[in-house]
Amino acid sequence: MAQKNNTDRRMTRAQRKAAEQAAAQAAAEQAAKERRQQTIVGAIVAVVVVALIAVAGIAVYRSTHSEAAQATKAAKELTVDQAKQKVQKAPVKPARADDQGGILISKDGYGTKAPGAPTVSVYMDFICPGCGNLNRQLDPTLIAMMDAGQLNLDLHIMSFGDANGWSTDEYSNRSANSALYIADHDDDPDHLLAYISNLFAEDFQPEEGPSYVPTSNDMLKEQALKAGVPASVADKAFTREYDDWLSAINTYTPKRSDLWNVSGRYEGSMTTPTVQINGHFWDLNQLSVADMDLKTGFLTSVGLKEDQVGKAGQMPSIGAKGKPISVTGA
């Protein structure tokens, strides 16, 4: 009997162990099943979330691009007078810009003209490579002449490069805003001119398009400080308060037929850089026809010899109202 009871106990333990193993296996199988179910549910949820994000993204993309397309279409349909009214209605306008968007500078400072001197208007975008080339080649001559009372400068700062996708961080708008802010809040125009030259320097001006490298506000601020702009002004130059005005200027300026190219592949449209002398279009394409560099061509056009540059009292022959002299003799 004792042996039988021991056998029964052993069988009971064996049965209990088997039952425990079976229960453990069942629990493991159930856990695995639940994990599979969770994985499937998670995958379904992930797919749904991705789908929803995609749908939302498409909706936002369509909405944004639809609005942008509508805005572009509306801007194109404006007449030049209607576009000019948009400029005047901008909520914040640069105080030193005139109704055409120009900032006038002479040897006597902002908003003044040297008597008897021609006025040179320059239209620019800070990411435009042609604008940089013009600035580097011609600006030293322009500034030397301005300082001597031989010409007046009329600066037109634009930012249409962002609409063309020339940068990934709205460089055109940020740099244009900063220059306009400096013009409004720093009474020394030499600082603005130096800042513009710094932005167009070969070792600073970023390339446009796919080769663009992000350029921060801090990097722009460093160039402002190097130009002599007070820190109190440079610190606040990146609030972008002129965005609406710039948008209006970018629409209005290209509609002005007096700024349209008169030759070359862009004939009948406005591009940057654009230069006017006494309100008359200066055809940069003619320089290559005449085999002249920018400086030589400009001095020829205003009627001044190179050795007269920067000498007060020796004035360009075209004066304050004359048309630029043709560099080709035509």
C-alpha atoms as a PDB file:
ATOM      1  CA  MET A   1       0.000   0.000   0.000  1.00  0.00           C
ATOM      2  CA  ALA A   2       2.834   2.341   0.885  1.00  0.00           C
ATOM      3  CA  GLN A   3       4.385   1.758  -2.523  1.00  0.00           C
ATOM      4  CA  LYS A   4       1.055   2.420  -4.214  1.00  0.00           C
ATOM      5  CA  ASN A   5       0.637   5.741  -2.355  1.00  0.00           C
ATOM      6  CA  ASN A   6       4.153   6.812  -3.380  1.00  0.00           C
ATOM      7  CA  THR A   7       3.355   5.925  -6.969  1.00  0.00           C
ATOM      8  CA  ASP A   8       0.148   7.925  -6.730  1.00  0.00           C
ATOM      9  CA  ARG A   9       2.034  10.903  -5.322  1.00  0.00           C
ATOM     10  CA  ARG A  10       4.654  10.621  -8.072  1.00  0.00           C
ATOM     11  CA  MET A  11       1.911  10.469 -10.682  1.00  0.00           C
ATOM     12  CA  THR A  12       0.250  13.452  -9.095  1.00  0.00           C
ATOM     13  CA  ARG A  13       3.485  15.422  -9.182  1.00  0.00           C
ATOM     14  CA  ALA A  14       4.103  14.327 -12.757  1.00  0.00           C
ATOM     15  CA  GLN A  15       0.605  15.243 -13.711  1.00  0.00           C
ATOM     16  CA  ARG A  16       0.951  18.541 -11.911  1.00  0.00           C
ATOM     17  CA  LYS A  17       4.221  19.275 -13.701  1.00  0.00           C
ATOM     18  CA  ALA A  18       2.701  18.331 -17.021  1.00  0.00           C
ATOM     19  CA  ALA A  19      -0.261  20.538 -16.271  1.00  0.00           C
ATOM     20  CA  GLU A  20       2.049  23.396 -15.369  1.00  0.00           C
ATOM     21  CA  GLN A  21       4.019  22.902 -18.564  1.00  0.00           C
ATOM     22  CA  ALA A  22       0.838  22.765 -20.565  1.00  0.00           C
ATOM     23  CA  ALA A  23      -0.419  25.917 -18.891  1.00  0.00           C
ATOM     24  CA  ALA A  24       2.878  27.681 -19.512  1.00  0.00           C
ATOM     25  CA  GLN A  25       2.835  26.620 -23.141  1.00  0.00           C
ATOM     26  CA  ALA A  26      -0.740  27.764 -23.490  1.00  0.00           C
ATOM     27  CA  ALA A  27       0.138  31.100 -21.901  1.00  0.00           C
ATOM     28  CA  ALA A  28       3.117  31.478 -24.221  1.00  0.00           C
ATOM     29  CA  GLU A  29       0.970  30.668 -27.233  1.00  0.00           C
ATOM     30  CA  GLN A  30      -1.664  33.142 -26.065  1.00  0.00           C
ATOM     31  CA  ALA A  31       0.976  35.851 -25.546  1.00  0.00           C
ATOM     32  CA  ALA A  32       2.408  35.187 -28.978  1.00  0.00           C
ATOM     33  CA  LYS A  33      -1.082  35.366 -30.444  1.00  0.00           C
ATOM     34  CA  GLU A  34      -1.699  38.656 -28.679  1.00  0.00           C
ATOM     35  CA  ARG A  35       1.626  40.010 -29.902  1.00  0.00           C
ATOM     36  CA  ARG A  36       0.721  39.025 -33.438  1.00  0.00           C
ATOM     37  CA  GLN A  37      -2.627  40.712 -33.045  1.00  0.00           C
ATOM     38  CA  GLN A  38      -0.981  43.824 -31.590  1.00  0.00           C
ATOM     39  CA  THR A  39       1.538  43.845 -34.419  1.00  0.00           C
ATOM     40  CA  ILE A  40      -1.226  43.565 -36.977  1.00  0.00           C
ATOM     41  CA  VAL A  41      -3.297  46.229 -35.238  1.00  0.00           C
ATOM     42  CA  GLY A  42      -0.221  48.442 -34.899  1.00  0.00           C
ATOM     43  CA  ALA A  43       0.586  47.994 -38.554  1.00  0.00           C
ATOM     44  CA  ILE A  44      -2.986  48.813 -39.498  1.00  0.00           C
ATOM     45  CA  VAL A  45      -2.934  51.883 -37.258  1.00  0.00           C
ATOM     46  CA  ALA A  46       0.406  52.945 -38.718  1.00  0.00           C
ATOM     47  CA  VAL A  47      -0.922  52.542 -42.239  1.00  0.00           C
ATOM     48  CA  VAL A  48      -4.032  54.510 -41.339  1.00  0.00           C
ATOM     49  CA  VAL A  49      -1.968  57.253 -39.671  1.00  0.00           C
ATOM     50  CA  VAL A  50       0.394  57.458 -42.638  1.00  0.00           C
ATOM     51  CA  ALA A  51      -2.584  57.569 -44.963  1.00  0.00           C
ATOM     52  CA  LEU A  52      -4.198  60.319 -42.917  1.00  0.00           C
ATOM     53  CA  ILE A  53      -0.943  62.288 -42.836  1.00  0.00           C
ATOM     54  CA  ALA A  54      -0.575  61.830 -46.569  1.00  0.00           C
ATOM     55  CA  VAL A  55      -4.137  62.965 -47.165  1.00  0.00           C
ATOM     56  CA  ALA A  56      -3.620  65.924 -44.838  1.00  0.00           C
ATOM     57  CA  GLY A  57      -0.315  66.702 -46.523  1.00  0.00           C
ATOM     58  CA  ILE A  58      -1.925  66.580 -49.946  1.00  0.00           C
ATOM     59  CA  ALA A  59      -4.735  68.786 -48.692  1.00  0.00           C
ATOM     60  CA  VAL A  60      -2.286  71.308 -47.226  1.00  0.00           C
ATOM     61  CA  TYR A  61      -0.116  71.144 -50.354  1.00  0.00           C
ATOM     62  CA  ARG A  62      -3.103  71.663 -52.621  1.00  0.00           C
ATOM     63  CA  SER A  63      -4.466  74.419 -50.413  1.00  0.00           C
ATOM     64  CA  THR A  64      -1.121  76.195 -50.089  1.00  0.00           C
ATOM     65  CA  HIS A  65      -0.188  75.857 -53.727  1.00  0.00           C
ATOM     66  CA  SER A  66      -3.690  76.709 -54.823  1.00  0.00           C
ATOM     67  CA  GLU A  67      -3.566  79.883 -52.741  1.00  0.00           C
ATOM     68  CA  ALA A  68      -0.083  80.679 -54.042  1.00  0.00           C
ATOM     69  CA  ALA A  69      -1.186  80.040 -57.621  1.00  0.00           C
ATOM     70  CA  GLN A  70      -4.240  82.219 -57.147  1.00  0.00           C
ATOM     71  CA  ALA A  71      -2.120  84.980 -55.614  1.00  0.00           C
ATOM     72  CA  THR A  72       0.364  84.751 -58.496  1.00  0.00           C
ATOM     73  CA  LYS A  73      -2.432  84.833 -61.039  1.00  0.00           C
ATOM     74  CA  ALA A  74      -4.055  87.798 -59.307  1.00  0.00           C
ATOM     75  CA  ALA A  75      -0.721  89.642 -59.221  1.00  0.00           C
ATOM     76  CA  LYS A  76      -0.160  89.043 -62.929  1.00  0.00           C
ATOM     77  CA  GLU A  77      -3.603  90.404 -63.740  1.00  0.00           C
ATOM     78  CA  LEU A  78      -2.972  93.703 -61.950  1.00  0.00           C
ATOM     79  CA  THR A  79      -2.265  96.759 -64.058  1.00  0.00           C
ATOM     80  CA  VAL A  80       0.865  98.733 -63.254  1.00  0.00           C
ATOM     81  CA  ASP A  81      -1.260 101.405 -61.547  1.00  0.00           C
ATOM     82  CA  GLN A  82      -3.114  98.809 -59.470  1.00  0.00           C
ATOM     83  CA  ALA A  83       0.198  97.214 -58.501  1.00  0.00           C
ATOM     84  CA  LYS A  84       1.544 100.609 -57.457  1.00  0.00           C
ATOM     85  CA  GLN A  85      -1.508 101.142 -55.248  1.00  0.00           C
ATOM     86  CA  LYS A  86      -0.689  97.847 -53.516  1.00  0.00           C
ATOM     87  CA  VAL A  87       2.743  99.257 -52.705  1.00  0.00           C
ATOM     88  CA  GLN A  88       1.213 102.376 -51.190  1.00  0.00           C
ATOM     89  CA  LYS A  89      -1.241 100.300 -49.134  1.00  0.00           C
ATOM     90  CA  ALA A  90       1.407  98.053 -47.555  1.00  0.00           C
ATOM     91  CA  PRO A  91       0.932  98.163 -43.757  1.00  0.00           C
ATOM     92  CA  VAL A  92       4.610  98.946 -43.124  1.00  0.00           C
ATOM     93  CA  LYS A  93       6.667 100.867 -45.676  1.00  0.00           C
ATOM     94  CA  PRO A  94      10.358 101.791 -45.529  1.00  0.00           C
ATOM     95  CA  ALA A  95      10.408 105.419 -44.424  1.00  0.00           C
ATOM     96  CA  ARG A  96      13.253 106.348 -46.770  1.00  0.00           C
ATOM     97  CA  ALA A  97      11.832 104.659 -49.877  1.00  0.00           C
ATOM     98  CA  ASP A  98       9.934 106.806 -52.387  1.00  0.00           C
ATOM     99  CA  ASP A  99       6.711 105.778 -54.121  1.00  0.00           C
ATOM    100  CA  GLN A 100       8.742 103.813 -56.688  1.00  0.00           C
ATOM    101  CA  GLY A 101      10.610 101.957 -53.957  1.00  0.00           C
ATOM    102  CA  GLY A 102      13.893 103.822 -54.384  1.00  0.00           C
ATOM    103  CA  ILE A 103      16.219 104.964 -51.598  1.00  0.00           C
ATOM    104  CA  LEU A 104      17.997 108.144 -52.675  1.00  0.00           C
ATOM    105  CA  ILE A 105      21.547 108.829 -51.455  1.00  0.00           C
ATOM    106  CA  SER A 106      23.984 111.626 -52.287  1.00  0.00           C
ATOM    107  CA  LYS A 107      27.135 113.089 -50.759  1.00  0.00           C
ATOM    108  CA  ASP A 108      24.846 114.945 -48.356  1.00  0.00           C
ATOM    109  CA  GLY A 109      23.101 111.810 -47.090  1.00  0.00           C
ATOM    110  CA  TYR A 110      19.710 110.210 -47.506  1.00  0.00           C
ATOM    111  CA  GLY A 111      16.938 111.887 -49.481  1.00  0.00           C
ATOM    112  CA  THR A 112      19.070 114.575 -51.117  1.00  0.00           C
ATOM    113  CA  LYS A 113      20.473 115.186 -54.599  1.00  0.00           C
ATOM    114  CA  ALA A 114      23.755 116.757 -55.598  1.00  0.00           C
ATOM    115  CA  PRO A 115      22.908 119.580 -58.022  1.00  0.00           C
ATOM    116  CA  GLY A 116      23.746 118.998 -61.665  1.00  0.00           C
ATOM    117  CA  ALA A 117      24.653 115.345 -61.090  1.00  0.00           C
ATOM    118  CA  PRO A 118      23.083 112.367 -62.864  1.00  0.00           C
ATOM    119  CA  THR A 119      21.020 109.937 -60.807  1.00  0.00           C
ATOM    120  CA  VAL A 120      21.849 106.251 -61.150  1.00  0.00           C
ATOM    121  CA  SER A 121      19.120 103.788 -60.166  1.00  0.00           C
ATOM    122  CA  VAL A 122      20.140 100.212 -59.393  1.00  0.00           C
ATOM    123  CA  TYR A 123      17.586  97.394 -59.020  1.00  0.00           C
ATOM    124  CA  MET A 124      18.890  94.387 -57.120  1.00  0.00           C
ATOM    125  CA  ASP A 125      18.172  91.130 -55.319  1.00  0.00           C
ATOM    126  CA  PHE A 126      20.845  90.030 -52.863  1.00  0.00           C
ATOM    127  CA  ILE A 127      20.954  86.446 -54.124  1.00  0.00           C
ATOM    128  CA  CYS A 128      21.150  87.481 -57.792  1.00  0.00           C
ATOM    129  CA  PRO A 129      24.630  86.569 -59.141  1.00  0.00           C
ATOM    130  CA  GLY A 130      24.471  89.247 -61.842  1.00  0.00           C
ATOM    131  CA  CYS A 131      23.725  91.835 -59.163  1.00  0.00           C
ATOM    132  CA  GLY A 132      26.758  90.687 -57.227  1.00  0.00           C
ATOM    133  CA  ASN A 133      28.945  90.931 -60.307  1.00  0.00           C
ATOM    134  CA  LEU A 134      27.699  94.448 -61.067  1.00  0.00           C
ATOM    135  CA  ASN A 135      28.235  95.565 -57.482  1.00  0.00           C
ATOM    136  CA  ARG A 136      31.769  94.202 -57.279  1.00  0.00           C
ATOM    137  CA  GLN A 137      32.841  95.745 -60.587  1.00  0.00           C
ATOM    138  CA  LEU A 138      30.998  99.059 -60.510  1.00  0.00           C
ATOM    139  CA  ASP A 139      30.178 100.009 -56.924  1.00  0.00           C
ATOM    140  CA  PRO A 140      33.613 101.431 -56.003  1.00  0.00           C
ATOM    141  CA  THR A 141      33.304 103.833 -58.944  1.00  0.00           C
ATOM    142  CA  LEU A 142      29.707 104.751 -58.112  1.00  0.00           C
ATOM    143  CA  ILE A 143      30.526 105.447 -54.465  1.00  0.00           C
ATOM    144  CA  ALA A 144      33.647 107.473 -55.308  1.00  0.00           C
ATOM    145  CA  MET A 145      31.591 109.588 -57.693  1.00  0.00           C
ATOM    146  CA  MET A 146      28.761 109.961 -55.187  1.00  0.00           C
ATOM    147  CA  ASP A 147      31.155 111.091 -52.457  1.00  0.00           C
ATOM    148  CA  ALA A 148      32.504 113.750 -54.833  1.00  0.00           C
ATOM    149  CA  GLY A 149      29.039 115.007 -55.746  1.00  0.00           C
ATOM    150  CA  GLN A 150      29.342 113.596 -59.278  1.00  0.00           C
ATOM    151  CA  LEU A 151      26.229 111.426 -59.071  1.00  0.00           C
ATOM    152  CA  ASN A 152      23.286 110.436 -56.904  1.00  0.00           C
ATOM    153  CA  LEU A 153      22.445 106.837 -56.071  1.00  0.00           C
ATOM    154  CA  ASP A 154      18.892 105.496 -56.130  1.00  0.00           C
ATOM    155  CA  LEU A 155      18.781 101.990 -54.634  1.00  0.00           C
ATOM    156  CA  HIS A 156      15.878  99.630 -55.336  1.00  0.00           C
ATOM    157  CA  ILE A 157      15.982  96.546 -53.124  1.00  0.00           C
ATOM    158  CA  MET A 158      13.848  93.589 -54.220  1.00  0.00           C
ATOM    159  CA  SER A 159      13.332  90.007 -53.045  1.00  0.00           C
ATOM    160  CA  PHE A 160      11.691  88.071 -55.870  1.00  0.00           C
ATOM    161  CA  GLY A 161      14.334  85.342 -55.638  1.00  0.00           C
ATOM    162  CA  ASP A 162      12.323  83.541 -52.967  1.00  0.00           C
ATOM    163  CA  ALA A 163       9.307  83.214 -55.254  1.00  0.00           C
ATOM    164  CA  ASN A 164      11.621  81.605 -57.815  1.00  0.00           C
ATOM    165  CA  GLY A 165      12.941  79.095 -55.292  1.00  0.00           C
ATOM    166  CA  TRP A 166      16.486  80.431 -55.359  1.00  0.00           C
ATOM    167  CA  SER A 167      17.030  79.643 -51.666  1.00  0.00           C
ATOM    168  CA  THR A 168      15.626  77.244 -49.085  1.00  0.00           C
ATOM    169  CA  ASP A 169      15.298  79.726 -46.216  1.00  0.00           C
ATOM    170  CA  GLU A 170      13.860  82.899 -47.791  1.00  0.00           C
ATOM    171  CA  TYR A 171      17.258  84.505 -48.053  1.00  0.00           C
ATOM    172  CA  SER A 172      16.108  87.199 -50.477  1.00  0.00           C
ATOM    173  CA  ASN A 173      13.374  88.417 -48.139  1.00  0.00           C
ATOM    174  CA  ARG A 174      15.518  88.266 -45.011  1.00  0.00           C
ATOM    175  CA  SER A 175      18.469  90.091 -46.537  1.00  0.00           C
ATOM    176  CA  ALA A 176      16.240  92.693 -48.217  1.00  0.00           C
ATOM    177  CA  ASN A 177      14.358  93.322 -44.971  1.00  0.00           C
ATOM    178  CA  SER A 178      17.608  93.828 -43.103  1.00  0.00           C
ATOM    179  CA  ALA A 179      18.935  96.343 -45.640  1.00  0.00           C
ATOM    180  CA  LEU A 180      15.677  98.309 -45.561  1.00  0.00           C
ATOM    181  CA  TYR A 181      15.701  98.305 -41.764  1.00  0.00           C
ATOM    182  CA  ILE A 182      19.278  99.569 -41.694  1.00  0.00           C
ATOM    183  CA  ALA A 183      18.387 102.331 -44.154  1.00  0.00           C
ATOM    184  CA  ASP A 184      15.516 103.416 -41.911  1.00  0.00           C
ATOM    185  CA  HIS A 185      17.315 103.221 -38.558  1.00  0.00           C
ATOM    186  CA  ASP A 186      20.960 104.115 -39.264  1.00  0.00           C
ATOM    187  CA  ASP A 187      21.409 107.685 -40.478  1.00  0.00           C
ATOM    188  CA  ASP A 188      24.802 107.017 -42.046  1.00  0.00           C
ATOM    189  CA  PRO A 189      24.245 105.764 -45.629  1.00  0.00           C
ATOM    190  CA  ASP A 190      27.874 104.637 -45.802  1.00  0.00           C
ATOM    191  CA  HIS A 191      26.910 101.809 -43.466  1.00  0.00           C
ATOM    192  CA  LEU A 192      24.122 100.660 -45.774  1.00  0.00           C
ATOM    193  CA  LEU A 193      26.380 100.832 -48.823  1.00  0.00           C
ATOM    194  CA  ALA A 194      29.095  98.862 -47.022  1.00  0.00           C
ATOM    195  CA  TYR A 195      26.533  96.273 -45.896  1.00  0.00           C
ATOM    196  CA  ILE A 196      25.304  95.852 -49.463  1.00  0.00           C
ATOM    197  CA  SER A 197      28.884  95.407 -50.670  1.00  0.00           C
ATOM    198  CA  ASN A 198      29.474  92.811 -47.943  1.00  0.00           C
ATOM    199  CA  LEU A 199      26.400  90.836 -49.012  1.00  0.00           C
ATOM    200  CA  PHE A 200      27.602  90.852 -52.618  1.00  0.00           C
ATOM    201  CA  ALA A 201      31.199  89.900 -51.742  1.00  0.00           C
ATOM    202  CA  GLU A 202      32.386  86.785 -53.573  1.00  0.00           C
ATOM    203  CA  ASP A 203      33.294  85.072 -50.315  1.00  0.00           C
ATOM    204  CA  PHE A 204      29.846  85.710 -48.821  1.00  0.00           C
ATOM    205  CA  GLN A 205      27.069  85.894 -51.409  1.00  0.00           C
ATOM    206  CA  PRO A 206      25.391  82.467 -51.521  1.00  0.00           C
ATOM    207  CA  GLU A 207      24.765  80.695 -54.800  1.00  0.00           C
ATOM    208  CA  GLU A 208      21.205  80.539 -56.032  1.00  0.00           C
ATOM    209  CA  GLY A 209      19.248  77.372 -56.780  1.00  0.00           C
ATOM    210  CA  PRO A 210      20.367  73.794 -55.988  1.00  0.00           C
ATOM    211  CA  SER A 211      23.812  74.943 -54.814  1.00  0.00           C
ATOM    212  CA  TYR A 212      22.366  77.319 -52.232  1.00  0.00           C
ATOM    213  CA  VAL A 213      23.818  76.905 -48.731  1.00  0.00           C
ATOM    214  CA  PRO A 214      21.575  78.100 -45.848  1.00  0.00           C
ATOM    215  CA  THR A 215      22.683  81.520 -44.648  1.00  0.00           C
ATOM    216  CA  SER A 216      21.468  82.505 -41.183  1.00  0.00           C
ATOM    217  CA  ASN A 217      20.424  85.860 -39.775  1.00  0.00           C
ATOM    218  CA  ASP A 218      23.466  85.718 -37.508  1.00  0.00           C
ATOM    219  CA  MET A 219      25.683  85.517 -40.584  1.00  0.00           C
ATOM    220  CA  LEU A 220      23.901  88.515 -42.080  1.00  0.00           C
ATOM    221  CA  LYS A 221      24.174  90.389 -38.796  1.00  0.00           C
ATOM    222  CA  GLU A 222      27.927  89.793 -38.762  1.00  0.00           C
ATOM    223  CA  GLN A 223      28.179  91.491 -42.157  1.00  0.00           C
ATOM    224  CA  ALA A 224      26.118  94.428 -40.877  1.00  0.00           C
ATOM    225  CA  LEU A 225      28.413  94.896 -37.894  1.00  0.00           C
ATOM    226  CA  LYS A 226      31.463  94.707 -40.164  1.00  0.00           C
ATOM    227  CA  ALA A 227      29.878  97.483 -42.237  1.00  0.00           C
ATOM    228  CA  GLY A 228      29.705  99.752 -39.198  1.00  0.00           C
ATOM    229  CA  VAL A 229      26.007  99.321 -38.440  1.00  0.00           C
ATOM    230  CA  PRO A 230      25.441  99.852 -34.683  1.00  0.00           C
ATOM    231  CA  ALA A 231      24.649  96.661 -32.767  1.00  0.00           C
ATOM    232  CA  SER A 232      21.422  98.257 -31.525  1.00  0.00           C
ATOM    233  CA  VAL A 233      20.262  98.451 -35.154  1.00  0.00           C
ATOM    234  CA  ALA A 234      21.726  95.164 -36.386  1.00  0.00           C
ATOM    235  CA  ASP A 235      20.064  93.276 -33.518  1.00  0.00           C
ATOM    236  CA  LYS A 236      16.616  94.324 -34.743  1.00  0.00           C
ATOM    237  CA  ALA A 237      17.166  94.180 -38.491  1.00  0.00           C
ATOM    238  CA  PHE A 238      15.642  90.749 -38.983  1.00  0.00           C
ATOM    239  CA  THR A 239      12.050  91.200 -37.844  1.00  0.00           C
ATOM    240  CA  ARG A 240      10.857  91.094 -41.478  1.00  0.00           C
ATOM    241  CA  GLU A 241       8.440  93.946 -41.008  1.00  0.00           C
ATOM    242  CA  TYR A 242       8.715  94.909 -44.684  1.00  0.00           C
ATOM    243  CA  ASP A 243       7.581  91.555 -46.126  1.00  0.00           C
ATOM    244  CA  ASP A 244       4.238  92.874 -47.410  1.00  0.00           C
ATOM    245  CA  TRP A 245       5.866  95.926 -48.946  1.00  0.00           C
ATOM    246  CA  LEU A 246       8.505  93.798 -50.650  1.00  0.00           C
ATOM    247  CA  SER A 247       5.838  91.471 -52.018  1.00  0.00           C
ATOM    248  CA  ALA A 248       4.040  94.477 -53.494  1.00  0.00           C
ATOM    249  CA  ILE A 249       7.284  95.925 -54.889  1.00  0.00           C
ATOM    250  CA  ASN A 250       8.150  92.567 -56.462  1.00  0.00           C
ATOM    251  CA  THR A 251       4.806  92.685 -58.271  1.00  0.00           C
ATOM    252  CA  TYR A 252       4.865  96.366 -59.220  1.00  0.00           C
ATOM    253  CA  THR A 253       8.446  96.886 -60.380  1.00  0.00           C
ATOM    254  CA  PRO A 254       8.528  94.275 -63.203  1.00  0.00           C
ATOM    255  CA  LYS A 255       5.346  95.820 -64.648  1.00  0.00           C
ATOM    256  CA  ARG A 256       7.098  99.143 -65.272  1.00  0.00           C
ATOM    257  CA  SER A 257       7.826  99.199 -69.003  1.00  0.00           C
ATOM    258  CA  ASP A 258      10.652 101.709 -68.490  1.00  0.00           C
ATOM    259  CA  LEU A 259      12.586  98.899 -66.797  1.00  0.00           C
ATOM    260  CA  TRP A 260      12.102  96.288 -69.511  1.00  0.00           C
ATOM    261  CA  ASN A 261      15.109  94.980 -71.394  1.00  0.00           C
ATOM    262  CA  VAL A 262      15.392  96.472 -74.871  1.00  0.00           C
ATOM    263  CA  SER A 263      17.603  93.717 -76.287  1.00  0.00           C
ATOM    264  CA  GLY A 264      18.742  90.157 -75.657  1.00  0.00           C
ATOM    265  CA  ARG A 265      16.834  87.046 -74.616  1.00  0.00           C
ATOM    266  CA  TYR A 266      14.867  88.920 -71.947  1.00  0.00           C
ATOM    267  CA  GLU A 267      13.754  91.731 -74.222  1.00  0.00           C
ATOM    268  CA  GLY A 268      10.363  93.028 -73.114  1.00  0.00           C
ATOM    269  CA  SER A 269      10.724  91.941 -69.492  1.00  0.00           C
ATOM    270  CA  MET A 270      12.452  93.209 -66.366  1.00  0.00           C
ATOM    271  CA  THR A 271      15.402  91.372 -64.821  1.00  0.00           C
ATOM    272  CA  THR A 272      18.029  92.131 -62.220  1.00  0.00           C
ATOM    273  CA  PRO A 273      20.364  93.819 -62.191  1.00  0.00           C
ATOM    274  CA  THR A 274      18.662  96.718 -63.929  1.00  0.00           C
ATOM    275  CA  VAL A 275      20.316 100.124 -64.132  1.00  0.00           C
ATOM    276  CA  GLN A 276      18.780 103.434 -65.114  1.00  0.00           C
ATOM    277  CA  ILE A 277      20.670 106.673 -65.684  1.00  0.00           C
ATOM    278  CA  ASN A 278      18.531 109.770 -65.203  1.00  0.00           C
ATOM    279  CA  GLY A 279      15.466 107.568 -65.544  1.00  0.00           C
ATOM    280  CA  HIS A 280      16.614 106.058 -68.852  1.00  0.00           C
ATOM    281  CA  PHE A 281      17.260 102.322 -69.249  1.00  0.00           C
ATOM    282  CA  TRP A 282      20.958 101.500 -69.486  1.00  0.00           C
ATOM    283  CA  ASP A 283      21.358  98.517 -71.809  1.00  0.00           C
ATOM    284  CA  LEU A 284      24.006  96.286 -70.253  1.00  0.00           C
ATOM    285  CA  ASN A 285      23.881  93.994 -73.285  1.00  0.00           C
ATOM    286  CA  GLN A 286      25.529  96.708 -75.370  1.00  0.00           C
ATOM    287  CA  LEU A 287      28.703  96.439 -73.296  1.00  0.00           C
ATOM    288  CA  SER A 288      29.544  93.064 -74.810  1.00  0.00           C
ATOM    289  CA  VAL A 289      28.836  94.457 -78.290  1.00  0.00           C
ATOM    290  CA  ALA A 290      31.258  97.303 -77.587  1.00  0.00           C
ATOM    291  CA  ASP A 291      33.713  94.947 -75.844  1.00  0.00           C
ATOM    292  CA  MET A 292      33.701  97.108 -72.711  1.00  0.00           C
ATOM    293  CA  ASP A 293      33.775  96.216 -69.051  1.00  0.00           C
ATOM    294  CA  LEU A 294      31.190  97.661 -66.684  1.00  0.00           C
ATOM    295  CA  LYS A 295      33.323 100.510 -65.386  1.00  0.00           C
ATOM    296  CA  THR A 296      34.502 101.684 -68.807  1.00  0.00           C
ATOM    297  CA  GLY A 297      31.009 101.366 -70.248  1.00  0.00           C
ATOM    298  CA  PHE A 298      29.441 103.297 -67.396  1.00  0.00           C
ATOM    299  CA  LEU A 299      31.929 106.170 -67.542  1.00  0.00           C
ATOM    300  CA  THR A 300      31.427 106.368 -71.298  1.00  0.00           C
ATOM    301  CA  SER A 301      27.654 106.437 -70.814  1.00  0.00           C
ATOM    302  CA  VAL A 302      27.699 109.330 -68.326  1.00  0.00           C
ATOM    303  CA  GLY A 303      30.460 111.256 -70.079  1.00  0.00           C
ATOM    304  CA  LEU A 304      33.282 111.183 -67.539  1.00  0.00           C
ATOM    305  CA  LYS A 305      36.927 110.225 -67.951  1.00  0.00           C
ATOM    306  CA  GLU A 306      38.445 107.664 -65.622  1.00  0.00           C
ATOM    307  CA  ASP A 307      40.962 110.144 -64.214  1.00  0.00           C
ATOM    308  CA  GLN A 308      38.080 112.458 -63.276  1.00  0.00           C
ATOM    309  CA  VAL A 309      36.370 109.923 -61.019  1.00  0.00           C
ATOM    310  CA  GLY A 310      36.098 111.177 -57.450  1.00  0.00           C
ATOM    311  CA  LYS A 311      37.170 114.742 -58.270  1.00  0.00           C
ATOM    312  CA  ALA A 312      34.638 117.260 -57.012  1.00  0.00           C
ATOM    313  CA  GLY A 313      33.567 119.817 -59.589  1.00  0.00           C
ATOM    314  CA  GLN A 314      34.404 117.644 -62.588  1.00  0.00           C
ATOM    315  CA  MET A 315      30.908 116.602 -63.604  1.00  0.00           C
ATOM    316  CA  PRO A 316      29.621 113.969 -66.036  1.00  0.00           C
ATOM    317  CA  SER A 317      28.709 115.594 -69.352  1.00  0.00           C
ATOM    318  CA  ILE A 318      25.129 114.287 -69.389  1.00  0.00           C
ATOM    319  CA  GLY A 319      24.281 116.288 -66.271  1.00  0.00           C
ATOM    320  CA  ALA A 320      21.129 115.715 -64.249  1.00  0.00           C
ATOM    321  CA  LYS A 321      18.741 115.237 -67.172  1.00  0.00           C
ATOM    322  CA  GLY A 322      20.666 113.826 -70.108  1.00  0.00           C
ATOM    323  CA  LYS A 323      20.293 110.354 -71.591  1.00  0.00           C
ATOM    324  CA  PRO A 324      23.126 107.845 -71.286  1.00  0.00           C
ATOM    325  CA  ILE A 325      25.592 108.064 -74.155  1.00  0.00           C
ATOM    326  CA  SER A 326      25.583 104.977 -76.394  1.00  0.00           C
ATOM    327  CA  VAL A 327      28.676 102.812 -75.958  1.00  0.00           C
ATOM    328  CA  THR A 328      28.356 101.484 -79.510  1.00  0.00           C
ATOM    329  CA  GLY A 329      28.006 104.875 -81.175  1.00  0.00           C
ATOM    330  CA  ALA A 330      24.552 103.919 -82.423  1.00  0.00           C
END
